[in-house]
ModelCIF file with pLDDT and N, C-alpha, C, O atoms, coordinates in Angstrom:
data_MODEL
#
_entry.id   MODEL 
#
_entity.id                         1 
_entity.type                       polymer 
_entity.pdbx_number_of_molecules   1 
#
_entity_poly.entity_id                      1 
_entity_poly.type                           'polypeptide(L)' 
_entity_poly.nstd_linkage                   no 
_entity_poly.nstd_monomer                   no 
_entity_poly.pdbx_seq_one_letter_code       TDLKAVVSFHGVLATKAPALAGKVKASVLVLTGANDPLAPPDHVA 
_entity_poly.pdbx_seq_one_letter_code_can   TDLKAVVSFHGVLATKAPALAGKVKASVLVLTGANDPLAPPDHVA 
_entity_poly.pdbx_strand_id                 A 
#
loop_
_entity_poly_seq.entity_id 
_entity_poly_seq.num 
_entity_poly_seq.mon_id 
_entity_poly_seq.hetero 
1 1  THR n 
1 2  ASP n 
1 3  LEU n 
1 4  LYS n 
1 5  ALA n 
1 6  VAL n 
1 7  VAL n 
1 8  SER n 
1 9  PHE n 
1 10 HIS n 
1 11 GLY n 
1 12 VAL n 
1 13 LEU n 
1 14 ALA n 
1 15 THR n 
1 16 LYS n 
1 17 ALA n 
1 18 PRO n 
1 19 ALA n 
1 20 LEU n 
1 21 ALA n 
1 22 GLY n 
1 23 LYS n 
1 24 VAL n 
1 25 LYS n 
1 26 ALA n 
1 27 SER n 
1 28 VAL n 
1 29 LEU n 
1 30 VAL n 
1 31 LEU n 
1 32 THR n 
1 33 GLY n 
1 34 ALA n 
1 35 ASN n 
1 36 ASP n 
1 37 PRO n 
1 38 LEU n 
1 39 ALA n 
1 40 PRO n 
1 41 PRO n 
1 42 ASP n 
1 43 HIS n 
1 44 VAL n 
1 45 ALA n 
#
_struct_asym.id          A 
_struct_asym.entity_id   1 
#
loop_
_ma_qa_metric.id 
_ma_qa_metric.mode 
_ma_qa_metric.name 
_ma_qa_metric.software_group_id 
_ma_qa_metric.type 
1 global pLDDT . pLDDT 
2 local  pLDDT . pLDDT 
#
_ma_qa_metric_global.metric_id      1 
_ma_qa_metric_global.metric_value   97.27 
_ma_qa_metric_global.model_id       1 
_ma_qa_metric_global.ordinal_id     1 
#
loop_
_ma_qa_metric_local.label_asym_id 
_ma_qa_metric_local.label_comp_id 
_ma_qa_metric_local.label_seq_id 
_ma_qa_metric_local.metric_id 
_ma_qa_metric_local.metric_value 
_ma_qa_metric_local.model_id 
_ma_qa_metric_local.ordinal_id 
A THR 1  2 96.00 1 1  
A ASP 2  2 94.00 1 2  
A LEU 3  2 97.00 1 3  
A LYS 4  2 97.00 1 4  
A ALA 5  2 98.00 1 5  
A VAL 6  2 98.00 1 6  
A VAL 7  2 98.00 1 7  
A SER 8  2 98.00 1 8  
A PHE 9  2 98.00 1 9  
A HIS 10 2 98.00 1 10 
A GLY 11 2 97.00 1 11 
A VAL 12 2 96.00 1 12 
A LEU 13 2 98.00 1 13 
A ALA 14 2 96.00 1 14 
A THR 15 2 96.00 1 15 
A LYS 16 2 94.00 1 16 
A ALA 17 2 96.00 1 17 
A PRO 18 2 97.00 1 18 
A ALA 19 2 97.00 1 19 
A LEU 20 2 97.00 1 20 
A ALA 21 2 97.00 1 21 
A GLY 22 2 96.00 1 22 
A LYS 23 2 97.00 1 23 
A VAL 24 2 98.00 1 24 
A LYS 25 2 97.00 1 25 
A ALA 26 2 98.00 1 26 
A SER 27 2 98.00 1 27 
A VAL 28 2 98.00 1 28 
A LEU 29 2 98.00 1 29 
A VAL 30 2 98.00 1 30 
A LEU 31 2 98.00 1 31 
A THR 32 2 98.00 1 32 
A GLY 33 2 98.00 1 33 
A ALA 34 2 98.00 1 34 
A ASN 35 2 98.00 1 35 
A ASP 36 2 98.00 1 36 
A PRO 37 2 97.00 1 37 
A LEU 38 2 96.00 1 38 
A ALA 39 2 98.00 1 39 
A PRO 40 2 98.00 1 40 
A PRO 41 2 97.00 1 41 
A ASP 42 2 98.00 1 42 
A HIS 43 2 98.00 1 43 
A VAL 44 2 98.00 1 44 
A ALA 45 2 98.00 1 45 
#
loop_
_atom_site.group_PDB 
_atom_site.id 
_atom_site.type_symbol 
_atom_site.label_atom_id 
_atom_site.label_alt_id 
_atom_site.label_comp_id 
_atom_site.label_asym_id 
_atom_site.label_entity_id 
_atom_site.label_seq_id 
_atom_site.pdbx_PDB_ins_code 
_atom_site.Cartn_x 
_atom_site.Cartn_y 
_atom_site.Cartn_z 
_atom_site.occupancy 
_atom_site.B_iso_or_equiv 
_atom_site.pdbx_formal_charge 
_atom_site.auth_seq_id 
_atom_site.auth_comp_id 
_atom_site.auth_asym_id 
_atom_site.auth_atom_id 
_atom_site.pdbx_PDB_model_num 
ATOM 1   N N  . THR A 1 1  ? 15.547 -0.704  -10.234 1.00 96.00 ? 1  THR A N  1 
ATOM 2   C CA . THR A 1 1  ? 16.470 0.400   -10.490 1.00 96.00 ? 1  THR A CA 1 
ATOM 3   C C  . THR A 1 1  ? 17.380 0.034   -11.650 1.00 96.00 ? 1  THR A C  1 
ATOM 4   O O  . THR A 1 1  ? 17.823 -1.108  -11.770 1.00 96.00 ? 1  THR A O  1 
ATOM 5   N N  . ASP A 1 2  ? 17.654 1.009   -12.501 1.00 94.00 ? 2  ASP A N  1 
ATOM 6   C CA . ASP A 1 2  ? 18.447 0.783   -13.702 1.00 94.00 ? 2  ASP A CA 1 
ATOM 7   C C  . ASP A 1 2  ? 19.931 0.666   -13.354 1.00 94.00 ? 2  ASP A C  1 
ATOM 8   O O  . ASP A 1 2  ? 20.687 1.634   -13.445 1.00 94.00 ? 2  ASP A O  1 
ATOM 9   N N  . LEU A 1 3  ? 20.325 -0.536  -12.956 1.00 97.00 ? 3  LEU A N  1 
ATOM 10  C CA . LEU A 1 3  ? 21.700 -0.851  -12.584 1.00 97.00 ? 3  LEU A CA 1 
ATOM 11  C C  . LEU A 1 3  ? 22.166 -2.063  -13.378 1.00 97.00 ? 3  LEU A C  1 
ATOM 12  O O  . LEU A 1 3  ? 21.372 -2.946  -13.702 1.00 97.00 ? 3  LEU A O  1 
ATOM 13  N N  . LYS A 1 4  ? 23.444 -2.099  -13.686 1.00 97.00 ? 4  LYS A N  1 
ATOM 14  C CA . LYS A 1 4  ? 24.002 -3.284  -14.347 1.00 97.00 ? 4  LYS A CA 1 
ATOM 15  C C  . LYS A 1 4  ? 24.131 -4.427  -13.347 1.00 97.00 ? 4  LYS A C  1 
ATOM 16  O O  . LYS A 1 4  ? 23.876 -5.585  -13.678 1.00 97.00 ? 4  LYS A O  1 
ATOM 17  N N  . ALA A 1 5  ? 24.530 -4.093  -12.121 1.00 98.00 ? 5  ALA A N  1 
ATOM 18  C CA . ALA A 1 5  ? 24.774 -5.135  -11.128 1.00 98.00 ? 5  ALA A CA 1 
ATOM 19  C C  . ALA A 1 5  ? 24.610 -4.573  -9.725  1.00 98.00 ? 5  ALA A C  1 
ATOM 20  O O  . ALA A 1 5  ? 24.764 -3.374  -9.489  1.00 98.00 ? 5  ALA A O  1 
ATOM 21  N N  . VAL A 1 6  ? 24.292 -5.478  -8.797  1.00 98.00 ? 6  VAL A N  1 
ATOM 22  C CA . VAL A 1 6  ? 24.331 -5.160  -7.369  1.00 98.00 ? 6  VAL A CA 1 
ATOM 23  C C  . VAL A 1 6  ? 25.097 -6.274  -6.669  1.00 98.00 ? 6  VAL A C  1 
ATOM 24  O O  . VAL A 1 6  ? 25.015 -7.444  -7.041  1.00 98.00 ? 6  VAL A O  1 
ATOM 25  N N  . VAL A 1 7  ? 25.848 -5.872  -5.638  1.00 98.00 ? 7  VAL A N  1 
ATOM 26  C CA . VAL A 1 7  ? 26.599 -6.827  -4.831  1.00 98.00 ? 7  VAL A CA 1 
ATOM 27  C C  . VAL A 1 7  ? 26.297 -6.525  -3.373  1.00 98.00 ? 7  VAL A C  1 
ATOM 28  O O  . VAL A 1 7  ? 26.483 -5.400  -2.908  1.00 98.00 ? 7  VAL A O  1 
ATOM 29  N N  . SER A 1 8  ? 25.829 -7.538  -2.660  1.00 98.00 ? 8  SER A N  1 
ATOM 30  C CA . SER A 1 8  ? 25.505 -7.414  -1.243  1.00 98.00 ? 8  SER A CA 1 
ATOM 31  C C  . SER A 1 8  ? 26.490 -8.231  -0.421  1.00 98.00 ? 8  SER A C  1 
ATOM 32  O O  . SER A 1 8  ? 26.543 -9.456  -0.540  1.00 98.00 ? 8  SER A O  1 
ATOM 33  N N  . PHE A 1 9  ? 27.276 -7.547  0.419   1.00 98.00 ? 9  PHE A N  1 
ATOM 34  C CA . PHE A 1 9  ? 28.157 -8.200  1.377   1.00 98.00 ? 9  PHE A CA 1 
ATOM 35  C C  . PHE A 1 9  ? 27.423 -8.248  2.714   1.00 98.00 ? 9  PHE A C  1 
ATOM 36  O O  . PHE A 1 9  ? 27.050 -7.204  3.250   1.00 98.00 ? 9  PHE A O  1 
ATOM 37  N N  . HIS A 1 10 ? 27.216 -9.416  3.247   1.00 98.00 ? 10 HIS A N  1 
ATOM 38  C CA . HIS A 1 10 ? 26.546 -9.686  4.520   1.00 98.00 ? 10 HIS A CA 1 
ATOM 39  C C  . HIS A 1 10 ? 25.352 -8.783  4.796   1.00 98.00 ? 10 HIS A C  1 
ATOM 40  O O  . HIS A 1 10 ? 25.205 -8.236  5.889   1.00 98.00 ? 10 HIS A O  1 
ATOM 41  N N  . GLY A 1 11 ? 24.496 -8.636  3.773   1.00 97.00 ? 11 GLY A N  1 
ATOM 42  C CA . GLY A 1 11 ? 23.258 -7.872  3.938   1.00 97.00 ? 11 GLY A CA 1 
ATOM 43  C C  . GLY A 1 11 ? 22.118 -8.762  4.397   1.00 97.00 ? 11 GLY A C  1 
ATOM 44  O O  . GLY A 1 11 ? 22.149 -9.977  4.202   1.00 97.00 ? 11 GLY A O  1 
ATOM 45  N N  . VAL A 1 12 ? 21.120 -8.157  5.003   1.00 96.00 ? 12 VAL A N  1 
ATOM 46  C CA . VAL A 1 12 ? 19.893 -8.878  5.352   1.00 96.00 ? 12 VAL A CA 1 
ATOM 47  C C  . VAL A 1 12 ? 19.166 -9.178  4.043   1.00 96.00 ? 12 VAL A C  1 
ATOM 48  O O  . VAL A 1 12 ? 19.028 -8.300  3.192   1.00 96.00 ? 12 VAL A O  1 
ATOM 49  N N  . LEU A 1 13 ? 18.707 -10.401 3.885   1.00 98.00 ? 13 LEU A N  1 
ATOM 50  C CA . LEU A 1 13 ? 18.088 -10.824 2.625   1.00 98.00 ? 13 LEU A CA 1 
ATOM 51  C C  . LEU A 1 13 ? 16.572 -10.724 2.637   1.00 98.00 ? 13 LEU A C  1 
ATOM 52  O O  . LEU A 1 13 ? 15.949 -10.642 1.578   1.00 98.00 ? 13 LEU A O  1 
ATOM 53  N N  . ALA A 1 14 ? 15.972 -10.728 3.814   1.00 96.00 ? 14 ALA A N  1 
ATOM 54  C CA . ALA A 1 14 ? 14.517 -10.661 3.922   1.00 96.00 ? 14 ALA A CA 1 
ATOM 55  C C  . ALA A 1 14 ? 14.027 -9.269  3.538   1.00 96.00 ? 14 ALA A C  1 
ATOM 56  O O  . ALA A 1 14 ? 14.739 -8.278  3.703   1.00 96.00 ? 14 ALA A O  1 
ATOM 57  N N  . THR A 1 15 ? 12.800 -9.212  3.023   1.00 96.00 ? 15 THR A N  1 
ATOM 58  C CA . THR A 1 15 ? 12.216 -7.939  2.609   1.00 96.00 ? 15 THR A CA 1 
ATOM 59  C C  . THR A 1 15 ? 10.713 -7.954  2.837   1.00 96.00 ? 15 THR A C  1 
ATOM 60  O O  . THR A 1 15 ? 10.090 -9.015  2.885   1.00 96.00 ? 15 THR A O  1 
ATOM 61  N N  . LYS A 1 16 ? 10.146 -6.783  2.975   1.00 94.00 ? 16 LYS A N  1 
ATOM 62  C CA . LYS A 1 16 ? 8.687  -6.650  3.063   1.00 94.00 ? 16 LYS A CA 1 
ATOM 63  C C  . LYS A 1 16 ? 8.076  -6.471  1.671   1.00 94.00 ? 16 LYS A C  1 
ATOM 64  O O  . LYS A 1 16 ? 6.855  -6.514  1.522   1.00 94.00 ? 16 LYS A O  1 
ATOM 65  N N  . ALA A 1 17 ? 8.922  -6.270  0.648   1.00 96.00 ? 17 ALA A N  1 
ATOM 66  C CA . ALA A 1 17 ? 8.432  -6.039  -0.712  1.00 96.00 ? 17 ALA A CA 1 
ATOM 67  C C  . ALA A 1 17 ? 9.260  -6.875  -1.706  1.00 96.00 ? 17 ALA A C  1 
ATOM 68  O O  . ALA A 1 17 ? 10.154 -6.344  -2.364  1.00 96.00 ? 17 ALA A O  1 
ATOM 69  N N  . PRO A 1 18 ? 8.964  -8.174  -1.814  1.00 97.00 ? 18 PRO A N  1 
ATOM 70  C CA . PRO A 1 18 ? 9.730  -9.037  -2.721  1.00 97.00 ? 18 PRO A CA 1 
ATOM 71  C C  . PRO A 1 18 ? 9.677  -8.554  -4.170  1.00 97.00 ? 18 PRO A C  1 
ATOM 72  O O  . PRO A 1 18 ? 8.760  -7.842  -4.580  1.00 97.00 ? 18 PRO A O  1 
ATOM 73  N N  . ALA A 1 19 ? 10.680 -8.962  -4.915  1.00 97.00 ? 19 ALA A N  1 
ATOM 74  C CA . ALA A 1 19 ? 10.756 -8.618  -6.334  1.00 97.00 ? 19 ALA A CA 1 
ATOM 75  C C  . ALA A 1 19 ? 9.548  -9.169  -7.078  1.00 97.00 ? 19 ALA A C  1 
ATOM 76  O O  . ALA A 1 19 ? 9.075  -10.272 -6.805  1.00 97.00 ? 19 ALA A O  1 
ATOM 77  N N  . LEU A 1 20 ? 9.069  -8.385  -8.009  1.00 97.00 ? 20 LEU A N  1 
ATOM 78  C CA . LEU A 1 20 ? 7.966  -8.811  -8.860  1.00 97.00 ? 20 LEU A CA 1 
ATOM 79  C C  . LEU A 1 20 ? 8.522  -9.398  -10.154 1.00 97.00 ? 20 LEU A C  1 
ATOM 80  O O  . LEU A 1 20 ? 9.623  -9.046  -10.576 1.00 97.00 ? 20 LEU A O  1 
ATOM 81  N N  . ALA A 1 21 ? 7.776  -10.273 -10.769 1.00 97.00 ? 21 ALA A N  1 
ATOM 82  C CA . ALA A 1 21 ? 8.211  -10.915 -12.007 1.00 97.00 ? 21 ALA A CA 1 
ATOM 83  C C  . ALA A 1 21 ? 8.588  -9.881  -13.053 1.00 97.00 ? 21 ALA A C  1 
ATOM 84  O O  . ALA A 1 21 ? 7.833  -8.954  -13.346 1.00 97.00 ? 21 ALA A O  1 
ATOM 85  N N  . GLY A 1 22 ? 9.783  -10.069 -13.607 1.00 96.00 ? 22 GLY A N  1 
ATOM 86  C CA . GLY A 1 22 ? 10.250 -9.204  -14.681 1.00 96.00 ? 22 GLY A CA 1 
ATOM 87  C C  . GLY A 1 22 ? 10.772 -7.840  -14.261 1.00 96.00 ? 22 GLY A C  1 
ATOM 88  O O  . GLY A 1 22 ? 11.176 -7.055  -15.118 1.00 96.00 ? 22 GLY A O  1 
ATOM 89  N N  . LYS A 1 23 ? 10.775 -7.537  -12.979 1.00 97.00 ? 23 LYS A N  1 
ATOM 90  C CA . LYS A 1 23 ? 11.144 -6.196  -12.532 1.00 97.00 ? 23 LYS A CA 1 
ATOM 91  C C  . LYS A 1 23 ? 12.654 -5.998  -12.356 1.00 97.00 ? 23 LYS A C  1 
ATOM 92  O O  . LYS A 1 23 ? 13.161 -4.911  -12.632 1.00 97.00 ? 23 LYS A O  1 
ATOM 93  N N  . VAL A 1 24 ? 13.383 -7.027  -11.902 1.00 98.00 ? 24 VAL A N  1 
ATOM 94  C CA . VAL A 1 24 ? 14.808 -6.891  -11.608 1.00 98.00 ? 24 VAL A CA 1 
ATOM 95  C C  . VAL A 1 24 ? 15.594 -6.820  -12.912 1.00 98.00 ? 24 VAL A C  1 
ATOM 96  O O  . VAL A 1 24 ? 15.531 -7.724  -13.746 1.00 98.00 ? 24 VAL A O  1 
ATOM 97  N N  . LYS A 1 25 ? 16.343 -5.717  -13.069 1.00 97.00 ? 25 LYS A N  1 
ATOM 98  C CA . LYS A 1 25 ? 17.177 -5.523  -14.261 1.00 97.00 ? 25 LYS A CA 1 
ATOM 99  C C  . LYS A 1 25 ? 18.633 -5.886  -14.010 1.00 97.00 ? 25 LYS A C  1 
ATOM 100 O O  . LYS A 1 25 ? 19.344 -6.294  -14.928 1.00 97.00 ? 25 LYS A O  1 
ATOM 101 N N  . ALA A 1 26 ? 19.071 -5.739  -12.778 1.00 98.00 ? 26 ALA A N  1 
ATOM 102 C CA . ALA A 1 26 ? 20.478 -5.914  -12.429 1.00 98.00 ? 26 ALA A CA 1 
ATOM 103 C C  . ALA A 1 26 ? 20.851 -7.384  -12.290 1.00 98.00 ? 26 ALA A C  1 
ATOM 104 O O  . ALA A 1 26 ? 20.021 -8.220  -11.932 1.00 98.00 ? 26 ALA A O  1 
ATOM 105 N N  . SER A 1 27 ? 22.113 -7.683  -12.578 1.00 98.00 ? 27 SER A N  1 
ATOM 106 C CA . SER A 1 27 ? 22.692 -8.955  -12.160 1.00 98.00 ? 27 SER A CA 1 
ATOM 107 C C  . SER A 1 27 ? 22.926 -8.833  -10.657 1.00 98.00 ? 27 SER A C  1 
ATOM 108 O O  . SER A 1 27 ? 23.304 -7.768  -10.168 1.00 98.00 ? 27 SER A O  1 
ATOM 109 N N  . VAL A 1 28 ? 22.701 -9.922  -9.929  1.00 98.00 ? 28 VAL A N  1 
ATOM 110 C CA . VAL A 1 28 ? 22.719 -9.870  -8.467  1.00 98.00 ? 28 VAL A CA 1 
ATOM 111 C C  . VAL A 1 28 ? 23.722 -10.879 -7.912  1.00 98.00 ? 28 VAL A C  1 
ATOM 112 O O  . VAL A 1 28 ? 23.710 -12.057 -8.271  1.00 98.00 ? 28 VAL A O  1 
ATOM 113 N N  . LEU A 1 29 ? 24.591 -10.386 -7.028  1.00 98.00 ? 29 LEU A N  1 
ATOM 114 C CA . LEU A 1 29 ? 25.531 -11.240 -6.310  1.00 98.00 ? 29 LEU A CA 1 
ATOM 115 C C  . LEU A 1 29 ? 25.360 -10.992 -4.822  1.00 98.00 ? 29 LEU A C  1 
ATOM 116 O O  . LEU A 1 29 ? 25.482 -9.861  -4.351  1.00 98.00 ? 29 LEU A O  1 
ATOM 117 N N  . VAL A 1 30 ? 25.076 -12.061 -4.084  1.00 98.00 ? 30 VAL A N  1 
ATOM 118 C CA . VAL A 1 30 ? 24.947 -12.006 -2.631  1.00 98.00 ? 30 VAL A CA 1 
ATOM 119 C C  . VAL A 1 30 ? 26.103 -12.799 -2.032  1.00 98.00 ? 30 VAL A C  1 
ATOM 120 O O  . VAL A 1 30 ? 26.332 -13.955 -2.391  1.00 98.00 ? 30 VAL A O  1 
ATOM 121 N N  . LEU A 1 31 ? 26.823 -12.166 -1.120  1.00 98.00 ? 31 LEU A N  1 
ATOM 122 C CA . LEU A 1 31 ? 27.944 -12.787 -0.429  1.00 98.00 ? 31 LEU A CA 1 
ATOM 123 C C  . LEU A 1 31 ? 27.595 -12.817 1.060   1.00 98.00 ? 31 LEU A C  1 
ATOM 124 O O  . LEU A 1 31 ? 27.464 -11.769 1.693   1.00 98.00 ? 31 LEU A O  1 
ATOM 125 N N  . THR A 1 32 ? 27.447 -14.008 1.609   1.00 98.00 ? 32 THR A N  1 
ATOM 126 C CA . THR A 1 32 ? 26.931 -14.133 2.972   1.00 98.00 ? 32 THR A CA 1 
ATOM 127 C C  . THR A 1 32 ? 27.687 -15.202 3.745   1.00 98.00 ? 32 THR A C  1 
ATOM 128 O O  . THR A 1 32 ? 28.357 -16.053 3.159   1.00 98.00 ? 32 THR A O  1 
ATOM 129 N N  . GLY A 1 33 ? 27.574 -15.150 5.046   1.00 98.00 ? 33 GLY A N  1 
ATOM 130 C CA . GLY A 1 33 ? 28.206 -16.140 5.906   1.00 98.00 ? 33 GLY A CA 1 
ATOM 131 C C  . GLY A 1 33 ? 27.219 -17.215 6.321   1.00 98.00 ? 33 GLY A C  1 
ATOM 132 O O  . GLY A 1 33 ? 26.051 -16.929 6.585   1.00 98.00 ? 33 GLY A O  1 
ATOM 133 N N  . ALA A 1 34 ? 27.688 -18.440 6.379   1.00 98.00 ? 34 ALA A N  1 
ATOM 134 C CA . ALA A 1 34 ? 26.827 -19.564 6.761   1.00 98.00 ? 34 ALA A CA 1 
ATOM 135 C C  . ALA A 1 34 ? 26.327 -19.438 8.197   1.00 98.00 ? 34 ALA A C  1 
ATOM 136 O O  . ALA A 1 34 ? 25.305 -20.026 8.552   1.00 98.00 ? 34 ALA A O  1 
ATOM 137 N N  . ASN A 1 35 ? 27.042 -18.673 9.025   1.00 98.00 ? 35 ASN A N  1 
ATOM 138 C CA . ASN A 1 35 ? 26.663 -18.507 10.422  1.00 98.00 ? 35 ASN A CA 1 
ATOM 139 C C  . ASN A 1 35 ? 26.214 -17.081 10.724  1.00 98.00 ? 35 ASN A C  1 
ATOM 140 O O  . ASN A 1 35 ? 26.313 -16.624 11.863  1.00 98.00 ? 35 ASN A O  1 
ATOM 141 N N  . ASP A 1 36 ? 25.722 -16.384 9.712   1.00 98.00 ? 36 ASP A N  1 
ATOM 142 C CA . ASP A 1 36 ? 25.262 -15.006 9.894   1.00 98.00 ? 36 ASP A CA 1 
ATOM 143 C C  . ASP A 1 36 ? 23.872 -15.032 10.514  1.00 98.00 ? 36 ASP A C  1 
ATOM 144 O O  . ASP A 1 36 ? 22.926 -15.505 9.885   1.00 98.00 ? 36 ASP A O  1 
ATOM 145 N N  . PRO A 1 37 ? 23.733 -14.525 11.754  1.00 97.00 ? 37 PRO A N  1 
ATOM 146 C CA . PRO A 1 37 ? 22.411 -14.554 12.378  1.00 97.00 ? 37 PRO A CA 1 
ATOM 147 C C  . PRO A 1 37 ? 21.406 -13.615 11.709  1.00 97.00 ? 37 PRO A C  1 
ATOM 148 O O  . PRO A 1 37 ? 20.203 -13.742 11.935  1.00 97.00 ? 37 PRO A O  1 
ATOM 149 N N  . LEU A 1 38 ? 21.882 -12.672 10.887  1.00 96.00 ? 38 LEU A N  1 
ATOM 150 C CA . LEU A 1 38 ? 20.985 -11.750 10.199  1.00 96.00 ? 38 LEU A CA 1 
ATOM 151 C C  . LEU A 1 38 ? 20.579 -12.253 8.814   1.00 96.00 ? 38 LEU A C  1 
ATOM 152 O O  . LEU A 1 38 ? 19.709 -11.667 8.170   1.00 96.00 ? 38 LEU A O  1 
ATOM 153 N N  . ALA A 1 39 ? 21.201 -13.329 8.360   1.00 98.00 ? 39 ALA A N  1 
ATOM 154 C CA . ALA A 1 39 ? 20.838 -13.970 7.091   1.00 98.00 ? 39 ALA A CA 1 
ATOM 155 C C  . ALA A 1 39 ? 20.925 -15.485 7.284   1.00 98.00 ? 39 ALA A C  1 
ATOM 156 O O  . ALA A 1 39 ? 21.766 -16.146 6.675   1.00 98.00 ? 39 ALA A O  1 
ATOM 157 N N  . PRO A 1 40 ? 20.056 -16.028 8.132   1.00 98.00 ? 40 PRO A N  1 
ATOM 158 C CA . PRO A 1 40 ? 20.103 -17.467 8.410   1.00 98.00 ? 40 PRO A CA 1 
ATOM 159 C C  . PRO A 1 40 ? 19.737 -18.286 7.165   1.00 98.00 ? 40 PRO A C  1 
ATOM 160 O O  . PRO A 1 40 ? 19.197 -17.750 6.197   1.00 98.00 ? 40 PRO A O  1 
ATOM 161 N N  . PRO A 1 41 ? 20.035 -19.579 7.204   1.00 97.00 ? 41 PRO A N  1 
ATOM 162 C CA . PRO A 1 41 ? 19.795 -20.430 6.032   1.00 97.00 ? 41 PRO A CA 1 
ATOM 163 C C  . PRO A 1 41 ? 18.379 -20.343 5.464   1.00 97.00 ? 41 PRO A C  1 
ATOM 164 O O  . PRO A 1 41 ? 18.211 -20.404 4.247   1.00 97.00 ? 41 PRO A O  1 
ATOM 165 N N  . ASP A 1 42 ? 17.364 -20.203 6.306   1.00 98.00 ? 42 ASP A N  1 
ATOM 166 C CA . ASP A 1 42 ? 16.008 -20.118 5.759   1.00 98.00 ? 42 ASP A CA 1 
ATOM 167 C C  . ASP A 1 42 ? 15.800 -18.816 4.990   1.00 98.00 ? 42 ASP A C  1 
ATOM 168 O O  . ASP A 1 42 ? 15.011 -18.786 4.046   1.00 98.00 ? 42 ASP A O  1 
ATOM 169 N N  . HIS A 1 43 ? 16.485 -17.744 5.369   1.00 98.00 ? 43 HIS A N  1 
ATOM 170 C CA . HIS A 1 43 ? 16.396 -16.487 4.615   1.00 98.00 ? 43 HIS A CA 1 
ATOM 171 C C  . HIS A 1 43 ? 17.132 -16.609 3.283   1.00 98.00 ? 43 HIS A C  1 
ATOM 172 O O  . HIS A 1 43 ? 16.692 -16.068 2.268   1.00 98.00 ? 43 HIS A O  1 
ATOM 173 N N  . VAL A 1 44 ? 18.257 -17.324 3.297   1.00 98.00 ? 44 VAL A N  1 
ATOM 174 C CA . VAL A 1 44 ? 18.997 -17.553 2.057   1.00 98.00 ? 44 VAL A CA 1 
ATOM 175 C C  . VAL A 1 44 ? 18.127 -18.354 1.083   1.00 98.00 ? 44 VAL A C  1 
ATOM 176 O O  . VAL A 1 44 ? 18.043 -18.024 -0.100  1.00 98.00 ? 44 VAL A O  1 
ATOM 177 N N  . ALA A 1 45 ? 17.489 -19.395 1.584   1.00 98.00 ? 45 ALA A N  1 
ATOM 178 C CA . ALA A 1 45 ? 16.607 -20.210 0.739   1.00 98.00 ? 45 ALA A CA 1 
ATOM 179 C C  . ALA A 1 45 ? 15.430 -19.383 0.229   1.00 98.00 ? 45 ALA A C  1 
ATOM 180 O O  . ALA A 1 45 ? 14.581 -19.899 -0.497  1.00 98.00 ? 45 ALA A O  1 
#
């Protein structure tokens, strides 16, 4: 999507359709909690 930036506050990071090479146009900022059960460390990685 033609966006300058996206910011995710405690969003789920997993997806069924990962980004394809060269497709992401936006700058991306993810803000998450270390103890968020919906975005565990393996999802962050």
